Amino acid sequence: MINLPIYEWTVGDAQEAETVLKAAGNLIDAHLMTLDPSAPYPKGSVRRATPVGLTIRLDLGPMLAAIREAAEVRQHGEDNTPPAAPSTGATS
């Protein structure tokens, strides 16, 4: 019985995500090259004819929160202090 390789990664930032996606692509290419070792790169016909299972769960929630926070900082200044309430003209 052959134990088939199944790869699973968990990442925590955008750089790690890009690195893992590239690694997955490189693994696919490396395995495809064994189907046609004389080719300089995996041909499209081999890619289309070769089954592979891939599931990606991409949670952009934390990234969108960081984008909103950065936009607020740009809008209100580096101290992240919200703008003062408009003056009513009344004095104490």
N, C-alpha and C. Protein backbone atom coordinates (compact mmCIF):
# COMPACT_ATOMS: atom_id res chain seq x y z
N MET A 1 0.85 -1.18 0.00
CA MET A 1 0.00 0.00 0.00
C MET A 1 0.89 1.24 0.00
N ILE A 2 0.60 2.18 -0.86
CA ILE A 2 1.37 3.42 -0.96
C ILE A 2 0.66 4.51 -0.16
N ASN A 3 1.43 5.20 0.68
CA ASN A 3 0.88 6.35 1.39
C ASN A 3 1.00 7.57 0.49
N LEU A 4 -0.12 8.08 0.03
CA LEU A 4 -0.11 9.23 -0.86
C LEU A 4 0.16 10.51 -0.07
N PRO A 5 0.99 11.38 -0.63
CA PRO A 5 1.29 12.62 0.10
C PRO A 5 0.11 13.59 0.05
N ILE A 6 -0.22 14.09 1.19
CA ILE A 6 -1.23 15.15 1.30
C ILE A 6 -0.57 16.27 2.08
N TYR A 7 -0.57 17.45 1.51
CA TYR A 7 0.09 18.59 2.12
C TYR A 7 -0.95 19.52 2.71
N GLU A 8 -0.64 20.08 3.86
CA GLU A 8 -1.54 21.04 4.50
C GLU A 8 -0.68 22.09 5.19
N TRP A 9 -1.01 23.34 4.95
CA TRP A 9 -0.29 24.44 5.57
C TRP A 9 -1.28 25.37 6.26
N THR A 10 -0.82 26.00 7.30
CA THR A 10 -1.58 27.06 7.96
C THR A 10 -0.65 28.26 8.04
N VAL A 11 -1.14 29.40 7.61
CA VAL A 11 -0.29 30.60 7.60
C VAL A 11 -0.98 31.72 8.37
N GLY A 12 -0.19 32.72 8.74
CA GLY A 12 -0.74 33.81 9.53
C GLY A 12 -0.59 35.19 8.93
N ASP A 13 0.13 35.29 7.80
CA ASP A 13 0.25 36.62 7.19
C ASP A 13 0.32 36.49 5.67
N ALA A 14 0.24 37.62 4.99
CA ALA A 14 0.17 37.63 3.53
C ALA A 14 1.43 37.05 2.90
N GLN A 15 2.61 37.34 3.47
CA GLN A 15 3.85 36.82 2.91
C GLN A 15 3.88 35.29 2.97
N GLU A 16 3.49 34.75 4.12
CA GLU A 16 3.44 33.30 4.26
C GLU A 16 2.45 32.69 3.27
N ALA A 17 1.31 33.35 3.07
CA ALA A 17 0.31 32.84 2.14
C ALA A 17 0.87 32.77 0.73
N GLU A 18 1.54 33.83 0.30
CA GLU A 18 2.14 33.82 -1.04
C GLU A 18 3.20 32.73 -1.16
N THR A 19 4.01 32.57 -0.13
CA THR A 19 5.06 31.55 -0.14
C THR A 19 4.46 30.15 -0.26
N VAL A 20 3.40 29.89 0.49
CA VAL A 20 2.77 28.58 0.45
C VAL A 20 2.11 28.33 -0.90
N LEU A 21 1.46 29.34 -1.46
CA LEU A 21 0.85 29.17 -2.78
C LEU A 21 1.90 28.85 -3.83
N LYS A 22 3.04 29.54 -3.77
CA LYS A 22 4.13 29.24 -4.70
C LYS A 22 4.68 27.83 -4.47
N ALA A 23 4.81 27.44 -3.20
CA ALA A 23 5.31 26.10 -2.89
C ALA A 23 4.36 25.04 -3.44
N ALA A 24 3.06 25.27 -3.31
CA ALA A 24 2.09 24.31 -3.84
C ALA A 24 2.22 24.21 -5.35
N GLY A 25 2.38 25.33 -6.01
CA GLY A 25 2.57 25.32 -7.46
C GLY A 25 3.85 24.59 -7.86
N ASN A 26 4.90 24.81 -7.09
CA ASN A 26 6.17 24.12 -7.37
C ASN A 26 6.05 22.61 -7.17
N LEU A 27 5.31 22.20 -6.15
CA LEU A 27 5.09 20.77 -5.92
C LEU A 27 4.31 20.15 -7.08
N ILE A 28 3.29 20.84 -7.54
CA ILE A 28 2.51 20.35 -8.67
C ILE A 28 3.41 20.21 -9.89
N ASP A 29 4.20 21.25 -10.17
CA ASP A 29 5.10 21.20 -11.33
C ASP A 29 6.11 20.05 -11.22
N ALA A 30 6.67 19.87 -10.04
CA ALA A 30 7.66 18.80 -9.84
C ALA A 30 7.05 17.43 -10.11
N HIS A 31 5.84 17.23 -9.64
CA HIS A 31 5.19 15.94 -9.88
C HIS A 31 4.79 15.78 -11.35
N LEU A 32 4.35 16.87 -11.97
CA LEU A 32 4.00 16.79 -13.39
C LEU A 32 5.21 16.48 -14.25
N MET A 33 6.37 16.97 -13.86
CA MET A 33 7.58 16.72 -14.64
C MET A 33 7.91 15.23 -14.70
N THR A 34 7.50 14.47 -13.70
CA THR A 34 7.77 13.02 -13.73
C THR A 34 6.92 12.32 -14.79
N LEU A 35 5.83 12.96 -15.23
CA LEU A 35 4.99 12.36 -16.27
C LEU A 35 5.59 12.54 -17.66
N ASP A 36 6.41 13.60 -17.82
CA ASP A 36 7.05 13.87 -19.11
C ASP A 36 8.44 14.44 -18.84
N PRO A 37 9.37 13.59 -18.37
CA PRO A 37 10.67 14.08 -17.93
C PRO A 37 11.52 14.71 -19.03
N SER A 38 11.23 14.45 -20.29
CA SER A 38 12.02 15.05 -21.38
C SER A 38 11.59 16.48 -21.68
N ALA A 39 10.45 16.90 -21.20
CA ALA A 39 9.95 18.26 -21.45
C ALA A 39 10.66 19.26 -20.53
N PRO A 40 10.91 20.47 -21.03
CA PRO A 40 11.58 21.48 -20.20
C PRO A 40 10.67 22.04 -19.10
N TYR A 41 9.38 21.88 -19.27
CA TYR A 41 8.39 22.33 -18.27
C TYR A 41 7.10 21.55 -18.51
N PRO A 42 6.22 21.49 -17.52
CA PRO A 42 4.97 20.74 -17.71
C PRO A 42 4.10 21.38 -18.79
N LYS A 43 3.71 20.60 -19.76
CA LYS A 43 2.87 21.10 -20.85
C LYS A 43 1.43 21.29 -20.39
N GLY A 44 0.74 22.19 -21.03
CA GLY A 44 -0.65 22.45 -20.71
C GLY A 44 -1.53 21.23 -20.85
N SER A 45 -1.24 20.41 -21.86
CA SER A 45 -2.06 19.21 -22.05
C SER A 45 -1.88 18.23 -20.89
N VAL A 46 -0.67 18.14 -20.38
CA VAL A 46 -0.41 17.27 -19.23
C VAL A 46 -1.10 17.85 -17.99
N ARG A 47 -1.03 19.16 -17.83
CA ARG A 47 -1.69 19.82 -16.69
C ARG A 47 -3.19 19.55 -16.70
N ARG A 48 -3.80 19.71 -17.87
CA ARG A 48 -5.25 19.53 -17.97
C ARG A 48 -5.67 18.08 -17.79
N ALA A 49 -4.81 17.15 -18.15
CA ALA A 49 -5.17 15.73 -18.07
C ALA A 49 -4.84 15.09 -16.72
N THR A 50 -4.17 15.83 -15.85
CA THR A 50 -3.72 15.25 -14.58
C THR A 50 -4.59 15.73 -13.43
N PRO A 51 -5.30 14.82 -12.78
CA PRO A 51 -6.16 15.24 -11.66
C PRO A 51 -5.33 15.59 -10.42
N VAL A 52 -5.82 16.54 -9.68
CA VAL A 52 -5.22 16.93 -8.40
C VAL A 52 -6.34 17.49 -7.53
N GLY A 53 -6.25 17.27 -6.24
CA GLY A 53 -7.23 17.84 -5.31
C GLY A 53 -6.64 19.05 -4.62
N LEU A 54 -7.36 20.13 -4.59
CA LEU A 54 -6.89 21.36 -3.94
C LEU A 54 -8.07 22.06 -3.31
N THR A 55 -7.95 22.37 -2.04
CA THR A 55 -8.96 23.15 -1.33
C THR A 55 -8.26 24.34 -0.71
N ILE A 56 -8.78 25.53 -0.95
CA ILE A 56 -8.21 26.74 -0.36
C ILE A 56 -9.29 27.44 0.43
N ARG A 57 -8.98 27.78 1.66
CA ARG A 57 -9.87 28.59 2.48
C ARG A 57 -9.12 29.88 2.75
N LEU A 58 -9.60 30.98 2.19
CA LEU A 58 -8.92 32.27 2.29
C LEU A 58 -9.76 33.22 3.14
N ASP A 59 -9.27 33.54 4.32
CA ASP A 59 -9.98 34.43 5.24
C ASP A 59 -9.34 35.81 5.16
N LEU A 60 -9.97 36.72 4.45
CA LEU A 60 -9.46 38.08 4.31
C LEU A 60 -9.98 39.03 5.37
N GLY A 61 -10.77 38.50 6.33
CA GLY A 61 -11.32 39.35 7.39
C GLY A 61 -10.27 40.14 8.14
N PRO A 62 -9.21 39.51 8.65
CA PRO A 62 -8.18 40.28 9.35
C PRO A 62 -7.49 41.30 8.45
N MET A 63 -7.30 40.96 7.18
CA MET A 63 -6.67 41.90 6.26
C MET A 63 -7.57 43.11 6.02
N LEU A 64 -8.86 42.86 5.85
CA LEU A 64 -9.79 43.97 5.64
C LEU A 64 -9.87 44.86 6.87
N ALA A 65 -9.81 44.27 8.07
CA ALA A 65 -9.79 45.06 9.29
C ALA A 65 -8.54 45.93 9.34
N ALA A 66 -7.39 45.39 8.93
CA ALA A 66 -6.16 46.18 8.90
C ALA A 66 -6.25 47.30 7.88
N ILE A 67 -6.90 47.04 6.75
CA ILE A 67 -7.08 48.07 5.73
C ILE A 67 -7.96 49.20 6.27
N ARG A 68 -9.05 48.83 6.94
CA ARG A 68 -9.93 49.86 7.52
C ARG A 68 -9.18 50.67 8.57
N GLU A 69 -8.41 49.99 9.41
CA GLU A 69 -7.64 50.69 10.46
C GLU A 69 -6.63 51.64 9.84
N ALA A 70 -5.93 51.19 8.80
CA ALA A 70 -4.94 52.05 8.14
C ALA A 70 -5.62 53.25 7.50
N ALA A 71 -6.80 53.05 6.93
CA ALA A 71 -7.53 54.17 6.33
C ALA A 71 -7.94 55.18 7.39
N GLU A 72 -8.37 54.69 8.56
CA GLU A 72 -8.73 55.60 9.65
C GLU A 72 -7.53 56.38 10.13
N VAL A 73 -6.38 55.72 10.23
CA VAL A 73 -5.16 56.42 10.66
C VAL A 73 -4.81 57.51 9.66
N ARG A 74 -4.90 57.20 8.36
CA ARG A 74 -4.61 58.22 7.34
C ARG A 74 -5.59 59.37 7.43
N GLN A 75 -6.85 59.06 7.69
CA GLN A 75 -7.89 60.08 7.73
C GLN A 75 -7.77 60.96 8.98
N HIS A 76 -7.44 60.38 10.12
CA HIS A 76 -7.45 61.10 11.39
C HIS A 76 -6.07 61.44 11.91
N GLY A 77 -5.04 61.04 11.25
CA GLY A 77 -3.69 61.32 11.71
C GLY A 77 -3.08 60.12 12.39
N GLU A 78 -1.77 60.20 12.59
CA GLU A 78 -1.02 59.09 13.15
C GLU A 78 -1.40 58.73 14.57
N ASP A 79 -1.92 59.69 15.35
CA ASP A 79 -2.25 59.38 16.74
C ASP A 79 -3.55 58.61 16.86
N ASN A 80 -4.26 58.44 15.72
CA ASN A 80 -5.50 57.68 15.68
C ASN A 80 -6.57 58.27 16.59
N THR A 81 -6.46 59.58 16.83
CA THR A 81 -7.48 60.27 17.62
C THR A 81 -8.62 60.66 16.68
N PRO A 82 -9.84 60.33 17.06
CA PRO A 82 -10.95 60.72 16.19
C PRO A 82 -11.08 62.24 16.15
N PRO A 83 -11.61 62.79 15.09
CA PRO A 83 -11.75 64.23 15.00
C PRO A 83 -12.64 64.76 16.11
N ALA A 84 -12.36 65.98 16.51
CA ALA A 84 -13.15 66.62 17.57
C ALA A 84 -14.59 66.82 17.08
N ALA A 85 -15.52 66.79 18.04
CA ALA A 85 -16.93 67.06 17.69
C ALA A 85 -17.05 68.49 17.23
N PRO A 86 -17.95 68.76 16.30
CA PRO A 86 -18.13 70.14 15.82
C PRO A 86 -18.54 71.05 16.98
N SER A 87 -18.05 72.26 16.92
CA SER A 87 -18.35 73.25 17.96
C SER A 87 -19.79 73.73 17.81
N THR A 88 -20.46 73.89 18.96
CA THR A 88 -21.84 74.38 18.93
C THR A 88 -21.87 75.88 19.07
N GLY A 89 -20.71 76.48 19.35
CA GLY A 89 -20.66 77.93 19.51
C GLY A 89 -20.93 78.36 20.95
N ALA A 90 -21.37 77.46 21.80
CA ALA A 90 -21.67 77.80 23.21
C ALA A 90 -20.38 77.84 23.99
N THR A 91 -20.27 78.71 24.96
CA THR A 91 -19.12 78.79 25.83
C THR A 91 -19.57 78.56 27.25
N SER A 92 -18.65 78.12 28.10
CA SER A 92 -19.02 77.85 29.49
C SER A 92 -18.49 78.88 30.40
